Amino acid sequence: MRDSWEEGGKGILNNMDFMSNLKAFERDQISEETMELLEPLLNAKEEWFNIPLAQKASVAASGILAWSLAIAEYHLKSKIVKPKRIFLAIQEGKLAVAQKELGIA
C-alpha cells in the first residue's frame, strides 16, 4: 500500500491550480472531524511541526505549513465569531422591521 504522500500529496502539489485552490479554500466548511484528525500535528508544532524546521527542509513546505496553521487558527477563532455574526444578523433583521414600522407610523 502506498503512503498518503504518494497517493495524494504529490498530485495535489503538482496540480496547476494548486494556488487557486488554496485561495478559494472554503475555510468556513472545515469539519470538527478534520480538526480532530489534525490535532496531534497541531499539538506537535513546538517539537517538530513548526515553520523554522520546515524552512530547513523546503521553503515551499514552510509556506504550506504556515497556511495550514493559519487555517487551523481561523477555525478556532471562527467558533467565537460565528455565534456573534448570527446574533448580529438577527438584530439587523429586527432593526429593519422596526424602521419599517417607524416609517409607516
Protein backbone atom coordinates (compact mmCIF):
# COMPACT_ATOMS: atom_id res chain seq x y z
CA MET A 1 0.00 0.00 0.00
CA ARG A 2 1.32 3.44 -0.93
CA ASP A 3 1.50 6.11 1.70
CA SER A 4 -0.65 9.22 1.60
CA TRP A 5 2.16 11.31 0.09
CA GLU A 6 2.39 9.02 -2.93
CA GLU A 7 -1.40 8.74 -3.25
CA GLY A 8 -2.39 12.34 -2.84
CA GLY A 9 0.32 14.72 -1.77
CA LYS A 10 2.35 14.76 -4.94
CA GLY A 11 -0.75 15.02 -7.11
CA ILE A 12 -2.10 17.95 -5.17
CA LEU A 13 1.17 19.87 -5.30
CA ASN A 14 1.65 19.14 -9.00
CA ASN A 15 -1.84 20.40 -9.83
CA MET A 16 -1.53 23.58 -11.89
CA ASP A 17 -4.47 25.07 -9.96
CA PHE A 18 -2.89 24.47 -6.56
CA MET A 19 -2.55 28.17 -5.62
CA SER A 20 -6.03 28.97 -6.94
CA ASN A 21 -7.42 26.10 -4.88
CA LEU A 22 -5.71 27.44 -1.75
CA LYS A 23 -7.14 30.92 -2.35
CA ALA A 24 -10.63 29.51 -2.96
CA PHE A 25 -10.49 27.12 0.01
CA GLU A 26 -13.80 27.07 1.89
CA ARG A 27 -12.33 27.73 5.32
CA ASP A 28 -15.77 28.04 6.91
CA GLN A 29 -16.60 24.47 5.88
CA ILE A 30 -13.88 22.69 7.88
CA SER A 31 -15.46 19.89 9.89
CA GLU A 32 -14.76 19.14 13.52
CA GLU A 33 -13.67 15.66 12.44
CA THR A 34 -10.95 17.16 10.24
CA MET A 35 -9.75 19.33 13.11
CA GLU A 36 -9.67 16.31 15.42
CA LEU A 37 -7.51 14.46 12.90
CA LEU A 38 -5.14 17.44 12.68
CA GLU A 39 -4.95 17.94 16.44
CA PRO A 40 -1.94 15.64 17.02
CA LEU A 41 0.03 17.60 14.40
CA LEU A 42 -1.07 20.96 15.73
CA ASN A 43 -0.07 19.93 19.25
CA ALA A 44 3.37 18.88 17.97
CA LYS A 45 4.17 22.31 16.49
CA GLU A 46 6.53 23.14 19.35
CA GLU A 47 8.54 19.96 18.84
CA TRP A 48 8.79 19.28 15.12
CA PHE A 49 5.74 20.63 13.28
CA ASN A 50 6.94 24.21 13.06
CA ILE A 51 7.80 26.73 10.36
CA PRO A 52 11.54 27.21 11.11
CA LEU A 53 12.13 23.47 10.95
CA ALA A 54 10.07 23.18 7.76
CA GLN A 55 12.12 26.00 6.20
CA LYS A 56 15.25 23.93 6.65
CA ALA A 57 13.65 21.19 4.55
CA SER A 58 11.83 23.33 1.99
CA VAL A 59 10.65 26.90 1.60
CA ALA A 60 7.53 25.59 -0.14
CA ALA A 61 6.82 23.21 2.75
CA SER A 62 7.16 26.04 5.25
CA GLY A 63 4.68 28.13 3.25
CA ILE A 64 2.14 25.31 3.15
CA LEU A 65 2.67 24.70 6.85
CA ALA A 66 2.15 28.41 7.63
CA TRP A 67 -1.07 28.37 5.59
CA SER A 68 -2.25 25.20 7.37
CA LEU A 69 -1.56 26.65 10.81
CA ALA A 70 -3.37 29.88 9.87
CA ILE A 71 -6.42 27.94 8.66
CA ALA A 72 -6.47 25.94 11.91
CA GLU A 73 -6.25 29.18 13.91
CA TYR A 74 -9.03 30.68 11.80
CA HIS A 75 -11.22 27.68 12.57
CA LEU A 76 -10.68 28.10 16.31
CA LYS A 77 -11.43 31.83 16.19
CA SER A 78 -14.48 31.34 13.98
CA LYS A 79 -16.11 29.32 16.75
CA ILE A 80 -16.16 32.54 18.78
CA VAL A 81 -17.18 34.86 15.94
CA LYS A 82 -19.85 32.73 14.22
CA PRO A 83 -22.48 32.99 17.02
CA LYS A 84 -21.87 36.74 17.15
CA ARG A 85 -22.43 37.04 13.39
CA ILE A 86 -25.69 35.12 13.72
CA PHE A 87 -26.79 37.38 16.58
CA LEU A 88 -25.87 40.46 14.52
CA ALA A 89 -27.94 39.23 11.55
CA ILE A 90 -30.95 38.68 13.82
CA GLN A 91 -30.59 42.13 15.36
CA GLU A 92 -30.22 43.76 11.93
CA GLY A 93 -33.43 42.00 10.86
CA LYS A 94 -35.25 43.34 13.93
CA LEU A 95 -33.89 46.82 13.22
CA ALA A 96 -35.14 46.66 9.62
CA VAL A 97 -38.63 45.68 10.83
CA ALA A 98 -38.62 48.45 13.45
CA GLN A 99 -37.51 51.05 10.90
CA LYS A 100 -40.25 49.93 8.51
CA GLU A 101 -42.86 50.22 11.27
CA LEU A 102 -41.48 53.64 12.20
CA GLY A 103 -41.73 54.75 8.58
CA ILE A 104 -45.38 53.66 8.46
CA ALA A 105 -46.13 55.44 11.75
